[in-house]
Amino acid sequence: MLWHRSANDIAGRVRLQRSLLSNALRSLKPGGTLIYCVCSLEAAEGEDQVQWALDALPELELSPVRADELPGLPGAVSAKGLVRTHPAMRPGESDGEWTASSWRDSRERVKPFLTHCAQNPHCR
């Protein structure tokens, strides 16, 4: 199925993502972890939102994902440690998504959530 979005649709989603991320950040405890994931390949909904958060809150630290943490998804992890899947990686299973593990905590505690998000997409 092919999806078509207008500039107004995307602008509305960008505002929604900013609101959701702002609320999540207010709830984040010191030393906590927030995994930001969107079912969109629009940079304005993904990377740009994380950059806004990092600029607005200098105490946040991006926690890069390592490619070996997501076996079976070659090419999904960027050089910066950000995760992006696209439909060709899992034909018929996903429309694509973008993920950033943006705030540091124990790697072992975060890993199961990243693996679950990558292996069980909710965009089918």
PDB file of N, CA and C in Angstrom:
ATOM      1  N   MET A   1       0.848  -1.174   0.000  1.00  0.00           N
ATOM      2  CA  MET A   1       0.000   0.000   0.000  1.00  0.00           C
ATOM      3  C   MET A   1       0.894   1.237   0.000  1.00  0.00           C
ATOM      4  N   LEU A   2       0.520   2.202  -0.752  1.00  0.00           N
ATOM      5  CA  LEU A   2       1.293   3.429  -0.864  1.00  0.00           C
ATOM      6  C   LEU A   2       0.614   4.528  -0.059  1.00  0.00           C
ATOM      7  N   TRP A   3       1.397   5.212   0.756  1.00  0.00           N
ATOM      8  CA  TRP A   3       0.862   6.294   1.577  1.00  0.00           C
ATOM      9  C   TRP A   3       1.265   7.627   0.965  1.00  0.00           C
ATOM     10  N   HIS A   4       0.354   8.563   0.999  1.00  0.00           N
ATOM     11  CA  HIS A   4       0.631   9.904   0.495  1.00  0.00           C
ATOM     12  C   HIS A   4       0.399  10.898   1.615  1.00  0.00           C
ATOM     13  N   ARG A   5       1.357  11.757   1.836  1.00  0.00           N
ATOM     14  CA  ARG A   5       1.253  12.775   2.886  1.00  0.00           C
ATOM     15  C   ARG A   5       1.392  14.151   2.261  1.00  0.00           C
ATOM     16  N   SER A   6       0.684  15.089   2.829  1.00  0.00           N
ATOM     17  CA  SER A   6       0.828  16.471   2.383  1.00  0.00           C
ATOM     18  C   SER A   6       1.775  17.187   3.339  1.00  0.00           C
ATOM     19  N   ALA A   7       2.220  18.360   2.935  1.00  0.00           N
ATOM     20  CA  ALA A   7       3.097  19.157   3.802  1.00  0.00           C
ATOM     21  C   ALA A   7       2.382  19.482   5.112  1.00  0.00           C
ATOM     22  N   ASN A   8       1.069  19.716   5.056  1.00  0.00           N
ATOM     23  CA  ASN A   8       0.310  20.000   6.280  1.00  0.00           C
ATOM     24  C   ASN A   8       0.265  18.797   7.210  1.00  0.00           C
ATOM     25  N   ASP A   9       0.126  17.585   6.635  1.00  0.00           N
ATOM     26  CA  ASP A   9       0.134  16.368   7.454  1.00  0.00           C
ATOM     27  C   ASP A   9       1.455  16.256   8.206  1.00  0.00           C
ATOM     28  N   ILE A  10       2.540  16.459   7.489  1.00  0.00           N
ATOM     29  CA  ILE A  10       3.865  16.324   8.101  1.00  0.00           C
ATOM     30  C   ILE A  10       4.073  17.400   9.150  1.00  0.00           C
ATOM     31  N   ALA A  11       3.679  18.631   8.866  1.00  0.00           N
ATOM     32  CA  ALA A  11       3.836  19.715   9.846  1.00  0.00           C
ATOM     33  C   ALA A  11       3.068  19.398  11.126  1.00  0.00           C
ATOM     34  N   GLY A  12       1.880  18.851  10.995  1.00  0.00           N
ATOM     35  CA  GLY A  12       1.098  18.474  12.172  1.00  0.00           C
ATOM     36  C   GLY A  12       1.759  17.363  12.961  1.00  0.00           C
ATOM     37  N   ARG A  13       2.325  16.407  12.249  1.00  0.00           N
ATOM     38  CA  ARG A  13       3.017  15.304  12.929  1.00  0.00           C
ATOM     39  C   ARG A  13       4.282  15.789  13.628  1.00  0.00           C
ATOM     40  N   VAL A  14       4.966  16.731  13.018  1.00  0.00           N
ATOM     41  CA  VAL A  14       6.169  17.301  13.641  1.00  0.00           C
ATOM     42  C   VAL A  14       5.797  17.983  14.956  1.00  0.00           C
ATOM     43  N   ARG A  15       4.715  18.740  14.954  1.00  0.00           N
ATOM     44  CA  ARG A  15       4.258  19.386  16.202  1.00  0.00           C
ATOM     45  C   ARG A  15       3.875  18.339  17.242  1.00  0.00           C
ATOM     46  N   LEU A  16       3.205  17.283  16.810  1.00  0.00           N
ATOM     47  CA  LEU A  16       2.823  16.211  17.731  1.00  0.00           C
ATOM     48  C   LEU A  16       4.058  15.528  18.308  1.00  0.00           C
ATOM     49  N   GLN A  17       5.045  15.231  17.466  1.00  0.00           N
ATOM     50  CA  GLN A  17       6.271  14.586  17.953  1.00  0.00           C
ATOM     51  C   GLN A  17       6.982  15.477  18.967  1.00  0.00           C
ATOM     52  N   ARG A  18       7.044  16.779  18.704  1.00  0.00           N
ATOM     53  CA  ARG A  18       7.702  17.703  19.628  1.00  0.00           C
ATOM     54  C   ARG A  18       6.984  17.686  20.977  1.00  0.00           C
ATOM     55  N   SER A  19       5.666  17.688  20.951  1.00  0.00           N
ATOM     56  CA  SER A  19       4.877  17.661  22.183  1.00  0.00           C
ATOM     57  C   SER A  19       5.090  16.356  22.950  1.00  0.00           C
ATOM     58  N   LEU A  20       5.051  15.235  22.239  1.00  0.00           N
ATOM     59  CA  LEU A  20       5.262  13.935  22.891  1.00  0.00           C
ATOM     60  C   LEU A  20       6.660  13.847  23.499  1.00  0.00           C
ATOM     61  N   LEU A  21       7.660  14.283  22.737  1.00  0.00           N
ATOM     62  CA  LEU A  21       9.034  14.230  23.233  1.00  0.00           C
ATOM     63  C   LEU A  21       9.222  15.167  24.421  1.00  0.00           C
ATOM     64  N   SER A  22       8.654  16.358  24.362  1.00  0.00           N
ATOM     65  CA  SER A  22       8.753  17.303  25.486  1.00  0.00           C
ATOM     66  C   SER A  22       8.156  16.705  26.753  1.00  0.00           C
ATOM     67  N   ASN A  23       6.982  16.098  26.629  1.00  0.00           N
ATOM     68  CA  ASN A  23       6.343  15.478  27.795  1.00  0.00           C
ATOM     69  C   ASN A  23       7.162  14.315  28.335  1.00  0.00           C
ATOM     70  N   ALA A  24       7.709  13.507  27.444  1.00  0.00           N
ATOM     71  CA  ALA A  24       8.534  12.377  27.882  1.00  0.00           C
ATOM     72  C   ALA A  24       9.787  12.868  28.603  1.00  0.00           C
ATOM     73  N   LEU A  25      10.399  13.931  28.097  1.00  0.00           N
ATOM     74  CA  LEU A  25      11.607  14.468  28.726  1.00  0.00           C
ATOM     75  C   LEU A  25      11.316  15.029  30.111  1.00  0.00           C
ATOM     76  N   ARG A  26      10.147  15.630  30.280  1.00  0.00           N
ATOM     77  CA  ARG A  26       9.783  16.143  31.608  1.00  0.00           C
ATOM     78  C   ARG A  26       9.616  15.003  32.607  1.00  0.00           C
ATOM     79  N   SER A  27       9.244  13.828  32.126  1.00  0.00           N
ATOM     80  CA  SER A  27       9.039  12.671  33.000  1.00  0.00           C
ATOM     81  C   SER A  27      10.316  11.868  33.226  1.00  0.00           C
ATOM     82  N   LEU A  28      11.351  12.147  32.458  1.00  0.00           N
ATOM     83  CA  LEU A  28      12.594  11.382  32.537  1.00  0.00           C
ATOM     84  C   LEU A  28      13.332  11.696  33.827  1.00  0.00           C
ATOM     85  N   LYS A  29      13.630  10.654  34.592  1.00  0.00           N
ATOM     86  CA  LYS A  29      14.361  10.835  35.847  1.00  0.00           C
ATOM     87  C   LYS A  29      15.853  10.965  35.556  1.00  0.00           C
ATOM     88  N   PRO A  30      16.599  11.649  36.427  1.00  0.00           N
ATOM     89  CA  PRO A  30      18.056  11.727  36.247  1.00  0.00           C
ATOM     90  C   PRO A  30      18.649  10.321  36.143  1.00  0.00           C
ATOM     91  N   GLY A  31      19.492  10.118  35.150  1.00  0.00           N
ATOM     92  CA  GLY A  31      20.101   8.810  34.933  1.00  0.00           C
ATOM     93  C   GLY A  31      19.204   7.855  34.171  1.00  0.00           C
ATOM     94  N   GLY A  32      17.988   8.303  33.849  1.00  0.00           N
ATOM     95  CA  GLY A  32      17.041   7.441  33.144  1.00  0.00           C
ATOM     96  C   GLY A  32      17.341   7.356  31.659  1.00  0.00           C
ATOM     97  N   THR A  33      16.598   6.515  30.988  1.00  0.00           N
ATOM     98  CA  THR A  33      16.771   6.307  29.555  1.00  0.00           C
ATOM     99  C   THR A  33      15.459   6.555  28.840  1.00  0.00           C
ATOM    100  N   LEU A  34      15.527   7.264  27.743  1.00  0.00           N
ATOM    101  CA  LEU A  34      14.370   7.455  26.893  1.00  0.00           C
ATOM    102  C   LEU A  34      14.745   6.970  25.505  1.00  0.00           C
ATOM    103  N   ILE A  35      13.981   6.051  24.977  1.00  0.00           N
ATOM    104  CA  ILE A  35      14.202   5.585  23.614  1.00  0.00           C
ATOM    105  C   ILE A  35      13.140   6.246  22.751  1.00  0.00           C
ATOM    106  N   TYR A  36      13.577   7.059  21.832  1.00  0.00           N
ATOM    107  CA  TYR A  36      12.671   7.794  20.956  1.00  0.00           C
ATOM    108  C   TYR A  36      12.577   7.052  19.632  1.00  0.00           C
ATOM    109  N   CYS A  37      11.385   6.636  19.273  1.00  0.00           N
ATOM    110  CA  CYS A  37      11.177   5.862  18.051  1.00  0.00           C
ATOM    111  C   CYS A  37       9.933   6.378  17.347  1.00  0.00           C
ATOM    112  N   VAL A  38      10.030   6.613  16.074  1.00  0.00           N
ATOM    113  CA  VAL A  38       8.874   7.043  15.291  1.00  0.00           C
ATOM    114  C   VAL A  38       8.730   6.145  14.069  1.00  0.00           C
ATOM    115  N   CYS A  39       7.508   5.922  13.661  1.00  0.00           N
ATOM    116  CA  CYS A  39       7.230   5.143  12.451  1.00  0.00           C
ATOM    117  C   CYS A  39       7.161   6.099  11.267  1.00  0.00           C
ATOM    118  N   SER A  40       8.256   6.753  11.029  1.00  0.00           N
ATOM    119  CA  SER A  40       8.341   7.729   9.950  1.00  0.00           C
ATOM    120  C   SER A  40       9.792   7.818   9.508  1.00  0.00           C
ATOM    121  N   LEU A  41       9.981   8.059   8.247  1.00  0.00           N
ATOM    122  CA  LEU A  41      11.330   8.270   7.742  1.00  0.00           C
ATOM    123  C   LEU A  41      11.620   9.744   7.518  1.00  0.00           C
ATOM    124  N   GLU A  42      10.705  10.611   7.930  1.00  0.00           N
ATOM    125  CA  GLU A  42      10.897  12.056   7.820  1.00  0.00           C
ATOM    126  C   GLU A  42      11.885  12.525   8.888  1.00  0.00           C
ATOM    127  N   ALA A  43      12.978  13.133   8.472  1.00  0.00           N
ATOM    128  CA  ALA A  43      13.971  13.633   9.432  1.00  0.00           C
ATOM    129  C   ALA A  43      13.345  14.620  10.410  1.00  0.00           C
ATOM    130  N   ALA A  44      12.365  15.379   9.960  1.00  0.00           N
ATOM    131  CA  ALA A  44      11.716  16.365  10.837  1.00  0.00           C
ATOM    132  C   ALA A  44      11.009  15.708  12.018  1.00  0.00           C
ATOM    133  N   GLU A  45      10.598  14.447  11.858  1.00  0.00           N
ATOM    134  CA  GLU A  45       9.943  13.731  12.953  1.00  0.00           C
ATOM    135  C   GLU A  45      10.936  12.928  13.789  1.00  0.00           C
ATOM    136  N   GLY A  46      12.102  12.653  13.256  1.00  0.00           N
ATOM    137  CA  GLY A  46      13.080  11.824  13.942  1.00  0.00           C
ATOM    138  C   GLY A  46      14.322  12.580  14.356  1.00  0.00           C
ATOM    139  N   GLU A  47      15.317  12.591  13.473  1.00  0.00           N
ATOM    140  CA  GLU A  47      16.606  13.188  13.790  1.00  0.00           C
ATOM    141  C   GLU A  47      16.492  14.636  14.257  1.00  0.00           C
ATOM    142  N   ASP A  48      15.639  15.413  13.597  1.00  0.00           N
ATOM    143  CA  ASP A  48      15.514  16.829  13.961  1.00  0.00           C
ATOM    144  C   ASP A  48      14.944  16.998  15.369  1.00  0.00           C
ATOM    145  N   GLN A  49      14.041  16.117  15.773  1.00  0.00           N
ATOM    146  CA  GLN A  49      13.472  16.186  17.123  1.00  0.00           C
ATOM    147  C   GLN A  49      14.539  15.879  18.175  1.00  0.00           C
ATOM    148  N   VAL A  50      15.347  14.865  17.901  1.00  0.00           N
ATOM    149  CA  VAL A  50      16.407  14.514  18.847  1.00  0.00           C
ATOM    150  C   VAL A  50      17.434  15.638  18.919  1.00  0.00           C
ATOM    151  N   GLN A  51      17.772  16.238  17.783  1.00  0.00           N
ATOM    152  CA  GLN A  51      18.725  17.352  17.807  1.00  0.00           C
ATOM    153  C   GLN A  51      18.165  18.519  18.607  1.00  0.00           C
ATOM    154  N   TRP A  52      16.867  18.799  18.451  1.00  0.00           N
ATOM    155  CA  TRP A  52      16.220  19.851  19.242  1.00  0.00           C
ATOM    156  C   TRP A  52      16.372  19.552  20.736  1.00  0.00           C
ATOM    157  N   ALA A  53      16.109  18.307  21.138  1.00  0.00           N
ATOM    158  CA  ALA A  53      16.199  17.943  22.554  1.00  0.00           C
ATOM    159  C   ALA A  53      17.627  18.085  23.064  1.00  0.00           C
ATOM    160  N   LEU A  54      18.592  17.645  22.272  1.00  0.00           N
ATOM    161  CA  LEU A  54      19.992  17.745  22.689  1.00  0.00           C
ATOM    162  C   LEU A  54      20.434  19.207  22.793  1.00  0.00           C
ATOM    163  N   ASP A  55      19.947  20.053  21.894  1.00  0.00           N
ATOM    164  CA  ASP A  55      20.278  21.482  21.946  1.00  0.00           C
ATOM    165  C   ASP A  55      19.602  22.163  23.130  1.00  0.00           C
ATOM    166  N   ALA A  56      18.354  21.792  23.396  1.00  0.00           N
ATOM    167  CA  ALA A  56      17.577  22.438  24.458  1.00  0.00           C
ATOM    168  C   ALA A  56      18.005  21.996  25.854  1.00  0.00           C
ATOM    169  N   LEU A  57      18.485  20.764  25.961  1.00  0.00           N
ATOM    170  CA  LEU A  57      18.846  20.201  27.266  1.00  0.00           C
ATOM    171  C   LEU A  57      20.260  19.638  27.198  1.00  0.00           C
ATOM    172  N   PRO A  58      21.269  20.470  27.453  1.00  0.00           N
ATOM    173  CA  PRO A  58      22.654  20.033  27.289  1.00  0.00           C
ATOM    174  C   PRO A  58      23.059  18.876  28.198  1.00  0.00           C
ATOM    175  N   GLU A  59      22.273  18.595  29.235  1.00  0.00           N
ATOM    176  CA  GLU A  59      22.618  17.473  30.110  1.00  0.00           C
ATOM    177  C   GLU A  59      22.291  16.120  29.473  1.00  0.00           C
ATOM    178  N   LEU A  60      21.546  16.123  28.387  1.00  0.00           N
ATOM    179  CA  LEU A  60      21.232  14.875  27.689  1.00  0.00           C
ATOM    180  C   LEU A  60      22.447  14.410  26.908  1.00  0.00           C
ATOM    181  N   GLU A  61      22.583  13.116  26.821  1.00  0.00           N
ATOM    182  CA  GLU A  61      23.708  12.539  26.086  1.00  0.00           C
ATOM    183  C   GLU A  61      23.190  11.431  25.188  1.00  0.00           C
ATOM    184  N   LEU A  62      23.493  11.523  23.913  1.00  0.00           N
ATOM    185  CA  LEU A  62      23.091  10.495  22.972  1.00  0.00           C
ATOM    186  C   LEU A  62      23.854   9.216  23.276  1.00  0.00           C
ATOM    187  N   SER A  63      23.154   8.131  23.359  1.00  0.00           N
ATOM    188  CA  SER A  63      23.765   6.829  23.622  1.00  0.00           C
ATOM    189  C   SER A  63      23.675   6.014  22.334  1.00  0.00           C
ATOM    190  N   PRO A  64      24.767   5.942  21.570  1.00  0.00           N
ATOM    191  CA  PRO A  64      24.705   5.285  20.269  1.00  0.00           C
ATOM    192  C   PRO A  64      24.418   3.788  20.381  1.00  0.00           C
ATOM    193  N   VAL A  65      23.705   3.282  19.405  1.00  0.00           N
ATOM    194  CA  VAL A  65      23.440   1.855  19.282  1.00  0.00           C
ATOM    195  C   VAL A  65      24.569   1.266  18.444  1.00  0.00           C
ATOM    196  N   ARG A  66      25.028   0.084  18.813  1.00  0.00           N
ATOM    197  CA  ARG A  66      26.065  -0.605  18.038  1.00  0.00           C
ATOM    198  C   ARG A  66      25.396  -1.585  17.069  1.00  0.00           C
ATOM    199  N   ALA A  67      25.958  -1.733  15.893  1.00  0.00           N
ATOM    200  CA  ALA A  67      25.388  -2.624  14.883  1.00  0.00           C
ATOM    201  C   ALA A  67      25.258  -4.051  15.402  1.00  0.00           C
ATOM    202  N   ASP A  68      26.197  -4.501  16.250  1.00  0.00           N
ATOM    203  CA  ASP A  68      26.126  -5.878  16.757  1.00  0.00           C
ATOM    204  C   ASP A  68      24.971  -6.086  17.741  1.00  0.00           C
ATOM    205  N   GLU A  69      24.335  -5.007  18.170  1.00  0.00           N
ATOM    206  CA  GLU A  69      23.179  -5.128  19.058  1.00  0.00           C
ATOM    207  C   GLU A  69      21.896  -5.449  18.291  1.00  0.00           C
ATOM    208  N   LEU A  70      21.933  -5.296  16.988  1.00  0.00           N
ATOM    209  CA  LEU A  70      20.766  -5.572  16.157  1.00  0.00           C
ATOM    210  C   LEU A  70      21.126  -6.543  15.039  1.00  0.00           C
ATOM    211  N   PRO A  71      21.464  -7.782  15.404  1.00  0.00           N
ATOM    212  CA  PRO A  71      21.814  -8.754  14.369  1.00  0.00           C
ATOM    213  C   PRO A  71      20.605  -9.007  13.460  1.00  0.00           C
ATOM    214  N   GLY A  72      20.879  -9.271  12.221  1.00  0.00           N
ATOM    215  CA  GLY A  72      19.800  -9.531  11.281  1.00  0.00           C
ATOM    216  C   GLY A  72      19.266  -8.289  10.598  1.00  0.00           C
ATOM    217  N   LEU A  73      19.801  -7.130  10.955  1.00  0.00           N
ATOM    218  CA  LEU A  73      19.379  -5.885  10.304  1.00  0.00           C
ATOM    219  C   LEU A  73      20.607  -5.138   9.782  1.00  0.00           C
ATOM    220  N   PRO A  74      21.339  -5.741   8.836  1.00  0.00           N
ATOM    221  CA  PRO A  74      22.534  -5.076   8.326  1.00  0.00           C
ATOM    222  C   PRO A  74      22.192  -3.734   7.692  1.00  0.00           C
ATOM    223  N   GLY A  75      23.004  -2.749   8.005  1.00  0.00           N
ATOM    224  CA  GLY A  75      22.813  -1.421   7.454  1.00  0.00           C
ATOM    225  C   GLY A  75      21.805  -0.564   8.196  1.00  0.00           C
ATOM    226  N   ALA A  76      21.198  -1.094   9.264  1.00  0.00           N
ATOM    227  CA  ALA A  76      20.176  -0.330   9.993  1.00  0.00           C
ATOM    228  C   ALA A  76      20.783   0.705  10.930  1.00  0.00           C
ATOM    229  N   VAL A  77      22.028   0.498  11.364  1.00  0.00           N
ATOM    230  CA  VAL A  77      22.650   1.404  12.332  1.00  0.00           C
ATOM    231  C   VAL A  77      23.629   2.325  11.604  1.00  0.00           C
ATOM    232  N   SER A  78      23.435   3.628  11.770  1.00  0.00           N
ATOM    233  CA  SER A  78      24.292   4.614  11.104  1.00  0.00           C
ATOM    234  C   SER A  78      25.626   4.751  11.833  1.00  0.00           C
ATOM    235  N   ALA A  79      26.537   5.484  11.219  1.00  0.00           N
ATOM    236  CA  ALA A  79      27.841   5.742  11.840  1.00  0.00           C
ATOM    237  C   ALA A  79      27.690   6.477  13.167  1.00  0.00           C
ATOM    238  N   LYS A  80      26.605   7.241  13.334  1.00  0.00           N
ATOM    239  CA  LYS A  80      26.358   7.956  14.591  1.00  0.00           C
ATOM    240  C   LYS A  80      25.662   7.082  15.630  1.00  0.00           C
ATOM    241  N   GLY A  81      25.338   5.838  15.256  1.00  0.00           N
ATOM    242  CA  GLY A  81      24.675   4.946  16.201  1.00  0.00           C
ATOM    243  C   GLY A  81      23.176   5.124  16.265  1.00  0.00           C
ATOM    244  N   LEU A  82      22.595   5.689  15.219  1.00  0.00           N
ATOM    245  CA  LEU A  82      21.146   5.845  15.129  1.00  0.00           C
ATOM    246  C   LEU A  82      20.583   4.725  14.264  1.00  0.00           C
ATOM    247  N   VAL A  83      19.367   4.302  14.556  1.00  0.00           N
ATOM    248  CA  VAL A  83      18.755   3.176  13.850  1.00  0.00           C
ATOM    249  C   VAL A  83      17.692   3.683  12.885  1.00  0.00           C
ATOM    250  N   ARG A  84      17.780   3.209  11.650  1.00  0.00           N
ATOM    251  CA  ARG A  84      16.753   3.516  10.650  1.00  0.00           C
ATOM    252  C   ARG A  84      16.493   2.240   9.861  1.00  0.00           C
ATOM    253  N   THR A  85      15.248   1.796   9.873  1.00  0.00           N
ATOM    254  CA  THR A  85      14.872   0.676   9.013  1.00  0.00           C
ATOM    255  C   THR A  85      14.019   1.231   7.882  1.00  0.00           C
ATOM    256  N   HIS A  86      13.972   0.493   6.792  1.00  0.00           N
ATOM    257  CA  HIS A  86      13.142   0.894   5.668  1.00  0.00           C
ATOM    258  C   HIS A  86      12.475  -0.346   5.098  1.00  0.00           C
ATOM    259  N   PRO A  87      11.436  -0.193   4.312  1.00  0.00           N
ATOM    260  CA  PRO A  87      10.648  -1.333   3.858  1.00  0.00           C
ATOM    261  C   PRO A  87      11.456  -2.445   3.189  1.00  0.00           C
ATOM    262  N   ALA A  88      12.501  -2.112   2.458  1.00  0.00           N
ATOM    263  CA  ALA A  88      13.284  -3.131   1.764  1.00  0.00           C
ATOM    264  C   ALA A  88      14.024  -4.059   2.726  1.00  0.00           C
ATOM    265  N   MET A  89      14.238  -3.633   3.972  1.00  0.00           N
ATOM    266  CA  MET A  89      14.941  -4.480   4.941  1.00  0.00           C
ATOM    267  C   MET A  89      14.078  -5.658   5.382  1.00  0.00           C
ATOM    268  N   ARG A  90      12.772  -5.445   5.422  1.00  0.00           N
ATOM    269  CA  ARG A  90      11.832  -6.504   5.817  1.00  0.00           C
ATOM    270  C   ARG A  90      10.583  -6.374   4.943  1.00  0.00           C
ATOM    271  N   PRO A  91      10.683  -6.791   3.685  1.00  0.00           N
ATOM    272  CA  PRO A  91       9.562  -6.619   2.757  1.00  0.00           C
ATOM    273  C   PRO A  91       8.253  -7.183   3.317  1.00  0.00           C
ATOM    274  N   GLY A  92       7.221  -6.362   3.246  1.00  0.00           N
ATOM    275  CA  GLY A  92       5.911  -6.782   3.712  1.00  0.00           C
ATOM    276  C   GLY A  92       5.710  -6.728   5.211  1.00  0.00           C
ATOM    277  N   GLU A  93       6.745  -6.396   5.967  1.00  0.00           N
ATOM    278  CA  GLU A  93       6.649  -6.394   7.427  1.00  0.00           C
ATOM    279  C   GLU A  93       6.665  -5.008   8.037  1.00  0.00           C
ATOM    280  N   SER A  94       7.240  -4.037   7.347  1.00  0.00           N
ATOM    281  CA  SER A  94       7.404  -2.724   7.963  1.00  0.00           C
ATOM    282  C   SER A  94       7.395  -1.634   6.907  1.00  0.00           C
ATOM    283  N   ASP A  95       6.846  -0.481   7.292  1.00  0.00           N
ATOM    284  CA  ASP A  95       6.896   0.692   6.422  1.00  0.00           C
ATOM    285  C   ASP A  95       8.193   1.467   6.612  1.00  0.00           C
ATOM    286  N   GLY A  96       8.926   1.157   7.654  1.00  0.00           N
ATOM    287  CA  GLY A  96      10.146   1.870   7.987  1.00  0.00           C
ATOM    288  C   GLY A  96       9.969   2.638   9.273  1.00  0.00           C
ATOM    289  N   GLU A  97      11.059   2.797   9.980  1.00  0.00           N
ATOM    290  CA  GLU A  97      11.013   3.544  11.232  1.00  0.00           C
ATOM    291  C   GLU A  97      12.386   4.091  11.547  1.00  0.00           C
ATOM    292  N   TRP A  98      12.411   5.016  12.461  1.00  0.00           N
ATOM    293  CA  TRP A  98      13.648   5.640  12.892  1.00  0.00           C
ATOM    294  C   TRP A  98      13.682   5.615  14.405  1.00  0.00           C
ATOM    295  N   THR A  99      14.832   5.270  14.979  1.00  0.00           N
ATOM    296  CA  THR A  99      14.965   5.151  16.429  1.00  0.00           C
ATOM    297  C   THR A  99      16.251   5.811  16.887  1.00  0.00           C
ATOM    298  N   ALA A 100      16.204   6.448  18.037  1.00  0.00           N
ATOM    299  CA  ALA A 100      17.407   6.942  18.701  1.00  0.00           C
ATOM    300  C   ALA A 100      17.302   6.598  20.169  1.00  0.00           C
ATOM    301  N   SER A 101      18.308   5.927  20.679  1.00  0.00           N
ATOM    302  CA  SER A 101      18.389   5.758  22.126  1.00  0.00           C
ATOM    303  C   SER A 101      19.125   6.995  22.596  1.00  0.00           C
ATOM    304  N   SER A 102      18.390   7.940  23.118  1.00  0.00           N
ATOM    305  CA  SER A 102      18.951   9.269  23.270  1.00  0.00           C
ATOM    306  C   SER A 102      19.542   9.604  24.623  1.00  0.00           C
ATOM    307  N   TRP A 103      19.212   8.846  25.630  1.00  0.00           N
ATOM    308  CA  TRP A 103      19.673   9.242  26.946  1.00  0.00           C
ATOM    309  C   TRP A 103      20.245   8.057  27.684  1.00  0.00           C
ATOM    310  N   ARG A 104      21.398   8.269  28.254  1.00  0.00           N
ATOM    311  CA  ARG A 104      22.239   7.210  28.774  1.00  0.00           C
ATOM    312  C   ARG A 104      21.684   6.535  30.024  1.00  0.00           C
ATOM    313  N   ASP A 105      21.868   5.248  30.050  1.00  0.00           N
ATOM    314  CA  ASP A 105      21.613   4.397  31.206  1.00  0.00           C
ATOM    315  C   ASP A 105      22.424   3.130  30.958  1.00  0.00           C
ATOM    316  N   SER A 106      22.222   2.130  31.772  1.00  0.00           N
ATOM    317  CA  SER A 106      22.937   0.872  31.614  1.00  0.00           C
ATOM    318  C   SER A 106      22.628   0.257  30.246  1.00  0.00           C
ATOM    319  N   ARG A 107      23.646  -0.052  29.488  1.00  0.00           N
ATOM    320  CA  ARG A 107      23.480  -0.644  28.163  1.00  0.00           C
ATOM    321  C   ARG A 107      22.691  -1.953  28.256  1.00  0.00           C
ATOM    322  N   GLU A 108      22.983  -2.768  29.242  1.00  0.00           N
ATOM    323  CA  GLU A 108      22.295  -4.050  29.353  1.00  0.00           C
ATOM    324  C   GLU A 108      20.809  -3.867  29.646  1.00  0.00           C
ATOM    325  N   ARG A 109      20.448  -2.818  30.365  1.00  0.00           N
ATOM    326  CA  ARG A 109      19.039  -2.583  30.664  1.00  0.00           C
ATOM    327  C   ARG A 109      18.288  -2.079  29.438  1.00  0.00           C
ATOM    328  N   VAL A 110      18.951  -1.345  28.580  1.00  0.00           N
ATOM    329  CA  VAL A 110      18.314  -0.756  27.408  1.00  0.00           C
ATOM    330  C   VAL A 110      18.234  -1.744  26.248  1.00  0.00           C
ATOM    331  N   LYS A 111      19.207  -2.615  26.112  1.00  0.00           N
ATOM    332  CA  LYS A 111      19.318  -3.492  24.954  1.00  0.00           C
ATOM    333  C   LYS A 111      18.039  -4.278  24.634  1.00  0.00           C
ATOM    334  N   PRO A 112      17.362  -4.897  25.609  1.00  0.00           N
ATOM    335  CA  PRO A 112      16.146  -5.645  25.262  1.00  0.00           C
ATOM    336  C   PRO A 112      15.066  -4.781  24.608  1.00  0.00           C
ATOM    337  N   PHE A 113      14.962  -3.527  25.006  1.00  0.00           N
ATOM    338  CA  PHE A 113      13.954  -2.649  24.417  1.00  0.00           C
ATOM    339  C   PHE A 113      14.300  -2.320  22.970  1.00  0.00           C
ATOM    340  N   LEU A 114      15.570  -2.069  22.696  1.00  0.00           N
ATOM    341  CA  LEU A 114      15.997  -1.774  21.330  1.00  0.00           C
ATOM    342  C   LEU A 114      15.759  -2.977  20.434  1.00  0.00           C
ATOM    343  N   THR A 115      16.136  -4.161  20.917  1.00  0.00           N
ATOM    344  CA  THR A 115      15.972  -5.379  20.139  1.00  0.00           C
ATOM    345  C   THR A 115      14.496  -5.626  19.853  1.00  0.00           C
ATOM    346  N   HIS A 116      13.649  -5.468  20.863  1.00  0.00           N
ATOM    347  CA  HIS A 116      12.210  -5.681  20.675  1.00  0.00           C
ATOM    348  C   HIS A 116      11.646  -4.706  19.645  1.00  0.00           C
ATOM    349  N   CYS A 117      12.019  -3.455  19.742  1.00  0.00           N
ATOM    350  CA  CYS A 117      11.509  -2.432  18.824  1.00  0.00           C
ATOM    351  C   CYS A 117      11.923  -2.748  17.388  1.00  0.00           C
ATOM    352  N   ALA A 118      13.159  -3.178  17.205  1.00  0.00           N
ATOM    353  CA  ALA A 118      13.661  -3.450  15.859  1.00  0.00           C
ATOM    354  C   ALA A 118      13.091  -4.739  15.278  1.00  0.00           C
ATOM    355  N   GLN A 119      12.881  -5.755  16.120  1.00  0.00           N
ATOM    356  CA  GLN A 119      12.456  -7.056  15.621  1.00  0.00           C
ATOM    357  C   GLN A 119      10.944  -7.232  15.580  1.00  0.00           C
ATOM    358  N   ASN A 120      10.194  -6.379  16.260  1.00  0.00           N
ATOM    359  CA  ASN A 120       8.741  -6.507  16.305  1.00  0.00           C
ATOM    360  C   ASN A 120       8.083  -5.189  15.929  1.00  0.00           C
ATOM    361  N   PRO A 121       8.250  -4.784  14.677  1.00  0.00           N
ATOM    362  CA  PRO A 121       7.695  -3.487  14.291  1.00  0.00           C
ATOM    363  C   PRO A 121       6.180  -3.486  14.408  1.00  0.00           C
ATOM    364  N   HIS A 122       5.649  -2.354  14.796  1.00  0.00           N
ATOM    365  CA  HIS A 122       4.204  -2.246  14.908  1.00  0.00           C
ATOM    366  C   HIS A 122       3.596  -1.611  13.664  1.00  0.00           C
ATOM    367  N   CYS A 123       4.414  -1.388  12.667  1.00  0.00           N
ATOM    368  CA  CYS A 123       3.921  -0.838  11.393  1.00  0.00           C
ATOM    369  C   CYS A 123       3.832  -1.976  10.392  1.00  0.00           C
ATOM    370  N   ARG A 124       2.738  -2.648  10.370  1.00  0.00           N
ATOM    371  CA  ARG A 124       2.567  -3.775   9.433  1.00  0.00           C
ATOM    372  C   ARG A 124       1.437  -3.493   8.484  1.00  0.00           C
TER     373      ARG A 124
END
